[in-house]
Protein backbone atom coordinates (compact mmCIF):
# COMPACT_ATOMS: atom_id res chain seq x y z
CA UNK A 1 -143.40 45.06 121.74
CA UNK A 2 -144.21 41.24 121.44
CA UNK A 3 -145.88 41.53 117.84
CA UNK A 4 -141.77 43.33 117.14
CA UNK A 5 -140.33 40.24 118.71
CA UNK A 6 -142.42 37.72 116.68
CA UNK A 7 -141.78 39.63 113.40
CA UNK A 8 -137.59 39.43 114.03
CA UNK A 9 -138.41 35.55 114.58
CA UNK A 10 -139.25 35.04 111.81
CA UNK A 11 -137.21 36.86 109.93
CA UNK A 12 -134.40 35.38 111.47
CA UNK A 13 -135.61 32.13 110.91
CA UNK A 14 -136.05 32.46 107.29
CA UNK A 15 -132.84 34.06 106.51
CA UNK A 16 -131.47 30.70 108.55
CA UNK A 17 -133.82 28.69 105.89
CA UNK A 18 -132.53 30.30 102.85
CA UNK A 19 -129.32 30.03 104.19
CA UNK A 20 -129.27 26.21 104.66
CA UNK A 21 -131.52 25.74 100.92
CA UNK A 22 -128.04 28.58 99.49
CA UNK A 23 -125.33 25.69 101.17
CA UNK A 24 -127.10 23.21 100.05
CA UNK A 25 -126.98 24.01 96.52
CA UNK A 26 -123.23 24.90 97.10
CA UNK A 27 -122.21 21.88 98.44
CA UNK A 28 -124.57 19.92 95.14
CA UNK A 29 -122.56 22.23 92.85
CA UNK A 30 -119.01 20.93 94.00
CA UNK A 31 -120.02 17.37 94.29
CA UNK A 32 -119.23 14.83 90.98
CA UNK A 33 -122.16 14.67 88.75
CA UNK A 34 -120.92 10.99 87.20
CA UNK A 35 -120.00 7.53 88.45
CA UNK A 36 -117.68 5.68 86.82
CA UNK A 37 -117.83 2.01 86.01
CA UNK A 38 -115.12 0.88 84.37
CA UNK A 39 -111.41 2.49 83.85
CA UNK A 40 -108.13 1.49 82.87
CA UNK A 41 -104.83 3.04 82.47
CA UNK A 42 -103.40 3.61 78.99
CA UNK A 43 -99.88 1.98 79.08
CA UNK A 44 -97.02 0.68 76.40
CA UNK A 45 -97.28 -3.16 75.96
CA UNK A 46 -97.24 -5.67 73.00
CA UNK A 47 -100.39 -6.03 71.43
CA UNK A 48 -101.21 -8.50 68.26
CA UNK A 49 -103.81 -9.63 65.69
CA UNK A 50 -105.37 -12.78 65.80
CA UNK A 51 -107.21 -14.52 63.05
CA UNK A 52 -109.40 -17.47 65.30
CA UNK A 53 -110.74 -20.74 63.96
CA UNK A 54 -111.27 -24.49 65.27
CA UNK A 55 -110.09 -27.85 63.80
CA UNK A 56 -109.20 -31.11 65.31
CA UNK A 57 -105.84 -32.68 65.85
CA UNK A 58 -104.42 -35.18 63.56
CA UNK A 59 -101.30 -37.12 62.89
CA UNK A 60 -98.69 -35.91 60.95
CA UNK A 61 -99.45 -39.46 58.40
CA UNK A 62 -102.01 -41.98 58.61
CA UNK A 63 -101.74 -43.98 55.71
CA UNK A 64 -104.53 -46.94 54.41
CA UNK A 65 -102.41 -49.93 52.19
CA UNK A 66 -104.22 -51.59 49.77
CA UNK A 67 -102.83 -54.44 47.37
CA UNK A 68 -102.45 -53.56 43.77
CA UNK A 69 -102.13 -56.91 42.71
CA UNK A 70 -105.16 -59.80 43.33
CA UNK A 71 -103.55 -63.01 44.65
CA UNK A 72 -103.75 -65.52 47.49
CA UNK A 73 -102.84 -63.45 51.38
CA UNK A 74 -99.52 -65.84 51.70
CA UNK A 75 -98.64 -64.47 55.01
CA UNK A 76 -99.45 -61.31 56.92
CA UNK A 77 -96.66 -59.80 59.22
CA UNK A 78 -97.98 -57.91 61.94
CA UNK A 79 -100.77 -57.15 64.39
CA UNK A 80 -102.63 -53.93 65.10
CA UNK A 81 -100.60 -51.81 67.79
CA UNK A 82 -97.21 -52.93 66.41
CA UNK A 83 -94.80 -50.63 65.86
CA UNK A 84 -92.82 -51.13 61.86
CA UNK A 85 -90.37 -48.96 60.45
CA UNK A 86 -90.61 -47.38 56.86
CA UNK A 87 -89.67 -50.18 54.13
CA UNK A 88 -90.69 -52.96 56.69
CA UNK A 89 -92.52 -55.96 54.57
CA UNK A 90 -95.90 -55.82 56.01
CA UNK A 91 -97.89 -58.52 53.34
CA UNK A 92 -97.41 -60.05 50.72
CA UNK A 93 -99.57 -62.54 48.33
CA UNK A 94 -98.09 -65.42 46.26
CA UNK A 95 -95.44 -64.02 44.07
CA UNK A 96 -93.88 -67.00 42.74
CA UNK A 97 -95.50 -66.55 39.18
CA UNK A 98 -94.87 -62.95 39.08
CA UNK A 99 -91.45 -63.59 39.62
CA UNK A 100 -90.95 -66.04 37.20
CA UNK A 101 -92.34 -62.83 34.77
CA UNK A 102 -89.60 -59.99 36.39
CA UNK A 103 -86.59 -62.63 35.79
CA UNK A 104 -88.60 -63.58 31.80
CA UNK A 105 -88.50 -59.53 31.30
CA UNK A 106 -84.69 -59.54 32.48
CA UNK A 107 -83.59 -62.05 30.35
CA UNK A 108 -85.75 -60.20 27.37
CA UNK A 109 -83.76 -57.39 28.21
CA UNK A 110 -80.52 -58.56 28.83
CA UNK A 111 -81.13 -60.48 25.18
CA UNK A 112 -81.41 -57.10 23.12
CA UNK A 113 -78.57 -55.35 25.55
CA UNK A 114 -76.35 -58.14 24.24
CA UNK A 115 -77.76 -57.93 20.69
CA UNK A 116 -77.43 -54.00 20.31
CA UNK A 117 -73.52 -54.89 21.70
CA UNK A 118 -72.97 -57.57 19.02
CA UNK A 119 -74.05 -55.21 16.19
CA UNK A 120 -71.28 -52.51 17.21
CA UNK A 121 -68.74 -54.36 18.19
CA UNK A 122 -68.38 -57.90 16.19
CA UNK A 123 -67.07 -57.88 12.77
CA UNK A 124 -69.14 -60.40 10.51
CA UNK A 125 -66.89 -63.65 10.75
CA UNK A 126 -65.73 -65.41 7.39
CA UNK A 127 -68.64 -67.86 7.61
CA UNK A 128 -70.80 -65.57 7.86
CA UNK A 129 -69.18 -63.60 4.82
CA UNK A 130 -69.74 -67.20 3.31
CA UNK A 131 -72.91 -68.15 4.11
CA UNK A 132 -74.00 -64.57 2.66
CA UNK A 133 -72.14 -65.34 -0.74
CA UNK A 134 -74.07 -68.86 -0.64
CA UNK A 135 -77.32 -66.95 -0.49
CA UNK A 136 -76.89 -64.58 -3.11
CA UNK A 137 -75.24 -67.53 -5.21
CA UNK A 138 -78.23 -69.92 -4.64
CA UNK A 139 -80.70 -66.36 -5.28
CA UNK A 140 -78.97 -65.92 -8.70
CA UNK A 141 -79.61 -69.69 -9.91
CA UNK A 142 -82.94 -68.96 -9.11
CA UNK A 143 -83.05 -66.24 -11.44
CA UNK A 144 -81.06 -67.36 -14.10
CA UNK A 145 -83.76 -70.51 -13.91
CA UNK A 146 -86.65 -68.00 -13.80
CA UNK A 147 -85.70 -66.38 -16.88
CA UNK A 148 -85.20 -70.08 -18.94
CA UNK A 149 -88.86 -71.08 -18.02
CA UNK A 150 -89.80 -67.86 -19.12
CA UNK A 151 -87.97 -67.77 -22.26
CA UNK A 152 -89.42 -71.27 -22.39
CA UNK A 153 -93.25 -70.52 -21.94
CA UNK A 154 -92.72 -67.07 -24.65
CA UNK A 155 -91.53 -69.97 -26.82
CA UNK A 156 -94.53 -72.03 -26.31
CA UNK A 157 -96.99 -68.73 -27.53
CA UNK A 158 -95.30 -68.05 -30.42
CA UNK A 159 -95.71 -72.67 -31.23
CA UNK A 160 -99.07 -72.05 -30.14
CA UNK A 161 -99.82 -69.64 -32.12
CA UNK A 162 -97.76 -70.82 -34.97
CA UNK A 163 -100.09 -73.81 -35.58
CA UNK A 164 -102.87 -72.01 -35.05
CA UNK A 165 -102.75 -70.14 -37.67
CA UNK A 166 -101.59 -73.30 -39.26
CA UNK A 167 -105.02 -74.98 -38.90
CA UNK A 168 -106.87 -71.23 -40.42
CA UNK A 169 -104.37 -71.24 -43.46
CA UNK A 170 -103.78 -74.78 -43.96
CA UNK A 171 -100.26 -76.69 -44.64
CA UNK A 172 -97.81 -75.19 -47.41
CA UNK A 173 -96.53 -77.29 -50.04
CA UNK A 174 -93.12 -77.64 -48.14
CA UNK A 175 -94.88 -78.66 -45.05
CA UNK A 176 -96.18 -81.38 -47.25
CA UNK A 177 -93.18 -81.96 -49.44
CA UNK A 178 -91.01 -82.07 -45.49
CA UNK A 179 -94.39 -84.26 -44.21
CA UNK A 180 -94.09 -87.01 -47.54
CA UNK A 181 -90.06 -86.60 -47.13
CA UNK A 182 -91.09 -87.83 -43.49
CA UNK A 183 -93.12 -90.58 -44.57
CA UNK A 184 -89.91 -91.43 -47.31
CA UNK A 185 -87.10 -91.54 -45.06
CA UNK A 186 -89.59 -93.62 -42.40
CA UNK A 187 -91.03 -96.40 -45.19
CA UNK A 188 -87.00 -96.87 -45.94
CA UNK A 189 -86.00 -97.36 -42.40
CA UNK A 190 -89.24 -99.14 -42.14
CA UNK A 191 -87.67 -101.43 -45.35
CA UNK A 192 -83.97 -102.17 -43.25
CA UNK A 193 -85.75 -103.11 -40.42
CA UNK A 194 -87.92 -105.72 -41.99
CA UNK A 195 -84.83 -107.43 -44.03
CA UNK A 196 -82.69 -106.57 -40.79
CA UNK A 197 -85.53 -109.00 -39.00
CA UNK A 198 -86.49 -111.48 -40.80
CA UNK A 199 -82.36 -112.19 -41.61
CA UNK A 200 -82.63 -113.37 -38.33
CA UNK A 201 -85.16 -115.44 -38.31
CA UNK A 202 -83.50 -117.36 -40.71
CA UNK A 203 -82.76 -120.93 -40.28
CA UNK A 204 -79.91 -123.50 -42.28
CA UNK A 205 -79.66 -127.13 -42.66
CA UNK A 206 -75.71 -128.58 -42.01
CA UNK A 207 -74.27 -131.81 -43.10
CA UNK A 208 -72.97 -133.23 -39.80
CA UNK A 209 -69.26 -135.07 -40.17
CA UNK A 210 -71.29 -138.88 -39.39
CA UNK A 211 -73.91 -138.45 -42.68
CA UNK A 212 -76.45 -136.79 -40.10
CA UNK A 213 -78.31 -132.98 -40.55
CA UNK A 214 -78.77 -130.96 -37.61
CA UNK A 215 -80.59 -126.78 -38.33
CA UNK A 216 -79.56 -124.07 -37.19
CA UNK A 217 -80.67 -120.69 -36.70
CA UNK A 218 -78.09 -118.45 -35.53
CA UNK A 219 -80.06 -115.24 -35.51
CA UNK A 220 -81.89 -116.47 -32.97
CA UNK A 221 -81.81 -114.86 -29.60
CA UNK A 222 -80.49 -111.57 -28.52
CA UNK A 223 -80.09 -111.17 -32.46
CA UNK A 224 -83.89 -111.51 -33.04
CA UNK A 225 -85.02 -109.92 -29.51
CA UNK A 226 -83.30 -105.87 -30.66
CA UNK A 227 -84.24 -106.81 -34.70
CA UNK A 228 -87.91 -107.04 -33.40
CA UNK A 229 -87.13 -103.64 -31.33
CA UNK A 230 -86.11 -101.91 -33.94
CA UNK A 231 -88.62 -102.82 -36.58
CA UNK A 232 -91.39 -102.14 -33.86
CA UNK A 233 -90.01 -98.40 -34.03
CA UNK A 234 -89.36 -97.96 -38.05
CA UNK A 235 -93.27 -98.92 -37.95
CA UNK A 236 -94.60 -96.53 -35.01
CA UNK A 237 -92.23 -93.74 -37.11
CA UNK A 238 -93.57 -94.52 -40.46
CA UNK A 239 -97.24 -93.91 -38.70
CA UNK A 240 -96.20 -91.03 -36.97
CA UNK A 241 -94.85 -89.30 -40.32
CA UNK A 242 -98.74 -90.99 -42.36
CA UNK A 243 -100.10 -89.94 -39.34
CA UNK A 244 -98.23 -86.09 -39.38
CA UNK A 245 -99.16 -85.69 -43.46
CA UNK A 246 -103.25 -86.89 -42.92
CA UNK A 247 -102.99 -84.26 -40.55
CA UNK A 248 -101.84 -81.15 -42.52
CA UNK A 249 -104.16 -83.09 -45.46
CA UNK A 250 -107.03 -82.61 -42.93
CA UNK A 251 -109.54 -79.68 -43.02
CA UNK A 252 -109.38 -77.60 -39.30
CA UNK A 253 -112.70 -78.02 -37.43
CA UNK A 254 -114.11 -75.67 -34.86
CA UNK A 255 -112.82 -77.60 -31.58
CA UNK A 256 -109.54 -77.57 -33.36
CA UNK A 257 -109.42 -73.67 -33.75
CA UNK A 258 -110.92 -74.07 -29.69
CA UNK A 259 -108.52 -76.43 -28.52
CA UNK A 260 -105.28 -74.22 -30.07
CA UNK A 261 -106.76 -70.90 -28.80
CA UNK A 262 -106.38 -72.85 -25.31
CA UNK A 263 -103.38 -73.88 -26.06
CA UNK A 264 -101.88 -70.07 -26.54
CA UNK A 265 -104.24 -68.61 -23.33
CA UNK A 266 -102.26 -71.50 -21.18
CA UNK A 267 -98.79 -70.40 -22.83
CA UNK A 268 -99.63 -66.69 -22.48
CA UNK A 269 -100.47 -67.14 -18.66
CA UNK A 270 -97.44 -69.49 -18.39
CA UNK A 271 -95.39 -66.50 -19.43
CA UNK A 272 -97.16 -63.67 -16.91
CA UNK A 273 -96.46 -66.46 -14.18
CA UNK A 274 -93.08 -67.29 -15.35
CA UNK A 275 -92.35 -62.92 -15.40
CA UNK A 276 -93.68 -63.00 -11.49
CA UNK A 277 -91.33 -65.40 -10.64
CA UNK A 278 -88.61 -63.74 -12.35
CA UNK A 279 -89.35 -60.73 -10.31
CA UNK A 280 -89.36 -62.82 -7.36
CA UNK A 281 -85.91 -64.48 -8.35
CA UNK A 282 -84.42 -60.69 -8.60
CA UNK A 283 -86.42 -59.63 -5.17
CA UNK A 284 -84.99 -62.53 -3.52
CA UNK A 285 -81.36 -61.71 -5.26
CA UNK A 286 -81.92 -58.16 -4.27
CA UNK A 287 -82.26 -58.92 -0.57
CA UNK A 288 -79.54 -61.51 -0.16
CA UNK A 289 -76.87 -58.80 -1.99
CA UNK A 290 -78.04 -56.31 1.14
CA UNK A 291 -77.99 -59.09 3.12
CA UNK A 292 -74.22 -59.45 2.37
CA UNK A 293 -73.45 -55.94 1.86
CA UNK A 294 -75.20 -55.61 5.82
CA UNK A 295 -72.56 -57.50 7.04
CA UNK A 296 -69.30 -55.35 5.94
CA UNK A 297 -71.59 -52.09 6.47
CA UNK A 298 -71.63 -50.36 10.05
CA UNK A 299 -74.76 -50.03 12.05
CA UNK A 300 -76.55 -46.88 10.87
CA UNK A 301 -78.06 -44.84 13.28
CA UNK A 302 -81.42 -46.38 12.00
CA UNK A 303 -80.74 -49.06 12.98
CA UNK A 304 -79.14 -48.62 16.36
CA UNK A 305 -81.66 -46.37 16.64
CA UNK A 306 -84.74 -49.57 16.34
CA UNK A 307 -82.13 -51.79 18.27
CA UNK A 308 -82.31 -48.77 20.90
CA UNK A 309 -86.45 -48.88 20.66
CA UNK A 310 -85.92 -52.87 21.55
CA UNK A 311 -84.33 -52.27 24.14
CA UNK A 312 -86.16 -49.46 25.99
CA UNK A 313 -89.29 -51.29 25.28
CA UNK A 314 -87.96 -54.56 27.07
CA UNK A 315 -86.67 -52.24 29.88
CA UNK A 316 -90.66 -51.46 29.66
CA UNK A 317 -91.68 -54.90 30.51
CA UNK A 318 -89.51 -55.41 32.76
CA UNK A 319 -90.93 -52.65 35.25
CA UNK A 320 -94.38 -53.21 34.38
CA UNK A 321 -92.69 -56.84 35.53
CA UNK A 322 -91.32 -55.43 38.59
CA UNK A 323 -94.47 -52.80 38.98
CA UNK A 324 -96.90 -56.04 39.18
CA UNK A 325 -94.29 -57.82 41.97
CA UNK A 326 -94.18 -54.73 43.98
CA UNK A 327 -98.05 -54.62 43.91
CA UNK A 328 -98.36 -58.18 45.15
CA UNK A 329 -96.19 -56.91 48.59
CA UNK A 330 -97.25 -54.17 51.13
CA UNK A 331 -94.30 -51.93 52.59
CA UNK A 332 -94.97 -49.62 55.41
CA UNK A 333 -93.87 -45.56 53.76
CA UNK A 334 -93.81 -44.63 56.80
CA UNK A 335 -92.15 -45.29 60.26
CA UNK A 336 -95.20 -45.71 62.55
CA UNK A 337 -97.55 -47.97 64.29
CA UNK A 338 -100.42 -50.24 63.10
CA UNK A 339 -103.84 -48.80 63.54
CA UNK A 340 -105.83 -51.59 61.93
CA UNK A 341 -105.46 -54.91 59.54
CA UNK A 342 -108.45 -55.84 57.84
CA UNK A 343 -107.33 -58.67 56.27
CA UNK A 344 -105.98 -62.15 57.10
CA UNK A 345 -103.68 -65.24 55.65
CA UNK A 346 -105.76 -67.45 53.37
CA UNK A 347 -107.86 -65.06 52.00
CA UNK A 348 -107.75 -63.28 48.15
CA UNK A 349 -106.72 -60.24 47.88
CA UNK A 350 -109.05 -57.31 46.67
CA UNK A 351 -106.62 -55.00 44.68
CA UNK A 352 -107.46 -51.73 46.10
CA UNK A 353 -109.49 -52.73 49.29
CA UNK A 354 -108.14 -51.06 52.12
CA UNK A 355 -106.07 -53.70 54.13
CA UNK A 356 -104.00 -51.83 56.61
CA UNK A 357 -103.39 -48.57 58.18
CA UNK A 358 -100.41 -47.62 59.88
CA UNK A 359 -100.30 -44.31 61.78
CA UNK A 360 -97.79 -42.05 62.45
CA UNK A 361 -98.13 -40.49 66.09
CA UNK A 362 -94.55 -38.83 66.02
CA UNK A 363 -96.26 -35.58 64.91
CA UNK A 364 -99.27 -33.64 65.12
CA UNK A 365 -101.47 -30.89 63.31
CA UNK A 366 -104.12 -29.25 62.36
CA UNK A 367 -106.28 -28.16 59.75
CA UNK A 368 -108.81 -25.30 60.14
CA UNK A 369 -111.09 -23.50 58.21
CA UNK A 370 -109.97 -19.76 57.64
CA UNK A 371 -112.91 -17.19 56.59
CA UNK A 372 -111.85 -15.41 53.15
CA UNK A 373 -112.42 -12.64 55.37
CA UNK A 374 -108.91 -13.65 57.54
CA UNK A 375 -106.94 -15.72 54.70
CA UNK A 376 -105.31 -12.52 53.52
CA UNK A 377 -103.64 -11.90 57.02
CA UNK A 378 -102.62 -15.37 56.76
CA UNK A 379 -99.22 -16.22 55.46
CA UNK A 380 -96.65 -19.61 55.95
CA UNK A 381 -94.38 -19.39 58.73
CA UNK A 382 -96.91 -17.55 61.58
CA UNK A 383 -97.45 -18.48 65.29
CA UNK A 384 -100.06 -20.34 66.47
CA UNK A 385 -101.29 -20.22 69.78
CA UNK A 386 -103.30 -23.80 69.70
CA UNK A 387 -105.51 -25.09 73.05
CA UNK A 388 -106.97 -27.77 73.16
CA UNK A 389 -110.50 -28.73 75.25
CA UNK A 390 -108.07 -32.06 76.81
CA UNK A 391 -105.58 -30.39 77.69
CA UNK A 392 -107.23 -27.15 78.93
CA UNK A 393 -103.96 -26.16 81.34
CA UNK A 394 -101.30 -26.71 78.58
CA UNK A 395 -99.63 -24.21 76.17
CA UNK A 396 -99.58 -25.92 72.36
CA UNK A 397 -97.73 -24.18 69.54
CA UNK A 398 -98.09 -23.74 66.10
CA UNK A 399 -97.12 -22.91 62.72
CA UNK A 400 -98.59 -22.25 59.95
CA UNK A 401 -96.91 -25.25 57.27
CA UNK A 402 -99.84 -24.89 54.72
CA UNK A 403 -102.49 -23.25 52.84
CA UNK A 404 -105.26 -24.50 50.76
CA UNK A 405 -104.86 -22.69 47.08
CA UNK A 406 -108.07 -22.65 46.13
CA UNK A 407 -111.48 -22.44 48.73
CA UNK A 408 -114.04 -24.44 49.01
CA UNK A 409 -117.78 -23.30 50.11
CA UNK A 410 -120.48 -24.65 52.83
CA UNK A 411 -123.50 -22.89 53.05
CA UNK A 412 -122.00 -19.95 51.61
CA UNK A 413 -119.45 -19.39 53.86
CA UNK A 414 -115.94 -19.43 51.45
CA UNK A 415 -113.40 -20.91 53.43
CA UNK A 416 -109.74 -21.80 52.97
CA UNK A 417 -108.04 -25.00 54.62
CA UNK A 418 -104.67 -23.84 56.76
CA UNK A 419 -102.70 -26.64 57.91
CA UNK A 420 -100.59 -25.83 60.90
CA UNK A 421 -98.36 -28.28 62.27
CA UNK A 422 -97.84 -28.47 66.55
CA UNK A 423 -93.87 -28.39 68.45
CA UNK A 424 -92.95 -31.44 69.93
CA UNK A 425 -92.94 -31.26 73.78
CA UNK A 426 -92.66 -33.66 76.54
CA UNK A 427 -95.49 -31.45 78.36
CA UNK A 428 -97.95 -33.54 76.92
CA UNK A 429 -99.43 -36.22 74.94
CA UNK A 430 -101.26 -35.53 72.23
CA UNK A 431 -103.81 -37.75 70.47
CA UNK A 432 -105.94 -37.85 66.89
CA UNK A 433 -109.31 -36.44 67.23
CA UNK A 434 -109.00 -34.16 70.18
CA UNK A 435 -110.69 -30.60 70.17
CA UNK A 436 -108.46 -27.65 68.88
CA UNK A 437 -108.58 -24.13 69.12
CA UNK A 438 -106.21 -21.81 66.69
CA UNK A 439 -105.48 -18.52 67.08
CA UNK A 440 -103.43 -17.25 64.82
CA UNK A 441 -100.88 -14.27 64.75
CA UNK A 442 -101.37 -12.55 61.76
CA UNK A 443 -99.28 -9.31 63.56
CA UNK A 444 -97.63 -7.94 66.46
CA UNK A 445 -96.48 -4.92 67.28
CA UNK A 446 -93.96 -4.37 70.40
CA UNK A 447 -93.89 -1.09 72.96
CA UNK A 448 -97.13 0.92 71.67
CA UNK A 449 -99.92 2.39 73.62
CA UNK A 450 -102.81 0.31 74.26
CA UNK A 451 -106.08 0.34 75.71
CA UNK A 452 -108.88 -2.02 76.09
CA UNK A 453 -111.77 -2.01 73.68
CA UNK A 454 -114.19 -1.18 75.88
CA UNK A 455 -113.04 2.41 76.13
CA UNK A 456 -112.89 3.41 72.38
CA UNK A 457 -116.48 4.09 70.89
CA UNK A 458 -117.23 5.34 67.39
CA UNK A 459 -119.20 8.77 67.24
CA UNK A 460 -121.84 7.40 64.39
CA UNK A 461 -121.80 11.44 62.56
CA UNK A 462 -117.83 11.82 62.24
CA UNK A 463 -116.40 8.33 62.63
CA UNK A 464 -114.10 10.01 65.22
CA UNK A 465 -113.17 7.44 67.52
CA UNK A 466 -113.44 8.62 71.06
CA UNK A 467 -112.29 7.67 74.75
CA UNK A 468 -113.27 9.56 78.23
CA UNK A 469 -109.94 10.41 79.88
CA UNK A 470 -110.20 11.55 83.66
CA UNK A 471 -108.07 14.79 84.30
CA UNK A 472 -109.39 14.60 87.54
CA UNK A 473 -111.95 13.45 90.73
CA UNK A 474 -114.13 16.14 88.99
CA UNK A 475 -113.23 16.16 85.69
CA UNK A 476 -113.58 13.49 82.74
CA UNK A 477 -113.01 15.22 78.84
CA UNK A 478 -113.57 13.74 75.88
CA UNK A 479 -110.58 13.12 73.33
CA UNK A 480 -110.60 11.76 69.84
CA UNK A 481 -107.50 9.29 69.51
CA UNK A 482 -106.44 7.50 66.03
CA UNK A 483 -106.14 3.28 66.81
CA UNK A 484 -104.32 1.27 65.00
CA UNK A 485 -103.76 -2.31 65.58
CA UNK A 486 -106.46 -4.28 67.42
CA UNK A 487 -107.09 -7.44 68.47
CA UNK A 488 -110.25 -9.09 70.11
CA UNK A 489 -109.79 -7.45 73.95
CA UNK A 490 -106.97 -4.15 72.87
CA UNK A 491 -106.14 -1.43 69.86
CA UNK A 492 -102.91 0.16 69.99
CA UNK A 493 -103.12 3.74 70.30
CA UNK A 494 -101.56 5.99 67.81
CA UNK A 495 -102.14 9.70 68.95
CA UNK A 496 -104.42 11.20 71.12
CA UNK A 497 -103.47 9.34 74.64
CA UNK A 498 -100.27 9.61 76.63
CA UNK A 499 -99.19 6.68 78.81
CA UNK A 500 -100.78 6.84 81.73
CA UNK A 501 -103.88 8.43 80.78
CA UNK A 502 -106.68 6.89 82.89
CA UNK A 503 -109.12 5.81 80.37
CA UNK A 504 -113.13 5.61 81.68
CA UNK A 505 -116.74 4.22 81.03
CA UNK A 506 -119.07 6.39 83.38
CA UNK A 507 -122.70 6.22 84.04
CA UNK A 508 -123.60 9.66 82.24
CA UNK A 509 -122.37 8.25 78.71
CA UNK A 510 -122.86 5.34 77.83
CA UNK A 511 -122.20 5.21 73.94
CA UNK A 512 -121.79 2.71 71.36
CA UNK A 513 -118.55 0.96 71.50
CA UNK A 514 -117.28 0.03 68.02
CA UNK A 515 -114.24 -2.21 69.04
CA UNK A 516 -116.30 -4.45 71.18
CA UNK A 517 -114.54 -6.13 74.54
CA UNK A 518 -111.63 -5.79 76.34
CA UNK A 519 -110.73 -6.50 80.49
CA UNK A 520 -110.19 -3.48 82.85
């Protein structure tokens, strides 16, 4: 009996133990087999895609000014920290000589303008025409004189040639007869002159009434002098006639022939010179006539073009002189503050060397380098959120103002320079050089379904984007979603989820997240 009770007790214990383990297993099967690490609710909202870059605050304009011309710095009119207006004179060198050059160029331009005006509007005066006609008459007389000289030179050539021919051929009978006749005539003239002279020197003795005698020579004095001169001339003429006959009868020597050739050459050279003189005189006459004709004709297009070109040249000279004067004066190109003064009065200005620096602190911008991968998303006018290290609590807004058309490369990375203008605000004060981070909003969509990036993972085999959705406390469903716009934290879900769905990450399956971070 006792044994039976023991067996029954043992059976009850075994049944109890079995019941305990079965009940424990059922309880274990009903409890969830996972732990939720992160969760978020899919909601509708706005999502923006940004391109981030870093840079530093720069003023709207920072201009380094220089002298364009050398000289002694006469006066510096500003000091560091002074506010100047656009157009203010800041400094200048001694400009006395440059001002005179400008005045001289202005006078030259005025002369050229008056010359053109006179040519277009003024008719020639009677005095001008008379002067031009006098030039023509003088030139015509010059032509006549040159032609006469040419005729004389040509005659001299013929005469020299005839004399040589006579030397070579000897005198003709007629020439000898003529020479003898010349001697006879000269002899007769000499005889008459001799008798006349003898008569003038004859004296006579006359009886005086008182019985005395007196010798008188009536031909002495002026008659005797005249007769003596005539007798001397007659003797010379006779000697010349006799010498001419002797020359005719003499035989020509080689020296005589060479002399005759030289006389011919000289005469021919005189002909050439006379011909050149005739041509020159005719050219002078033509110029004088043309000048006279121009006085009566209106100006030609070419003449006006020449006068206008002279005016343009004078204008260029004036602009050059004015430029040199302007380069000797430093004028503020912008309204701003003088940031640096590198010159002193009395020093020699060095063209091109930094003299003054003016900064415009009324507006600021930043320039950032955008990677070539992102540059296609950047466009003019896009909004930019700017965070400044020195102003961590200030919201600064900017706008894309300029995108460089060409790239730059540094360390193998290709980037493009982008300029961002900063909107003015009274809530903060910017200073050049402050560090800034720019988030360029390249795309923005409102009223779309968004989830954190950490909730989306990528199936490496299929390429699908997957999300874990908590359907209940015990059920986690993995769904395929189609994504759209994303940024560093959130992604747009175009299909696969509904507003209000809870997306989770559990300890049961931690897959690779293709989309990166994001906050719960």
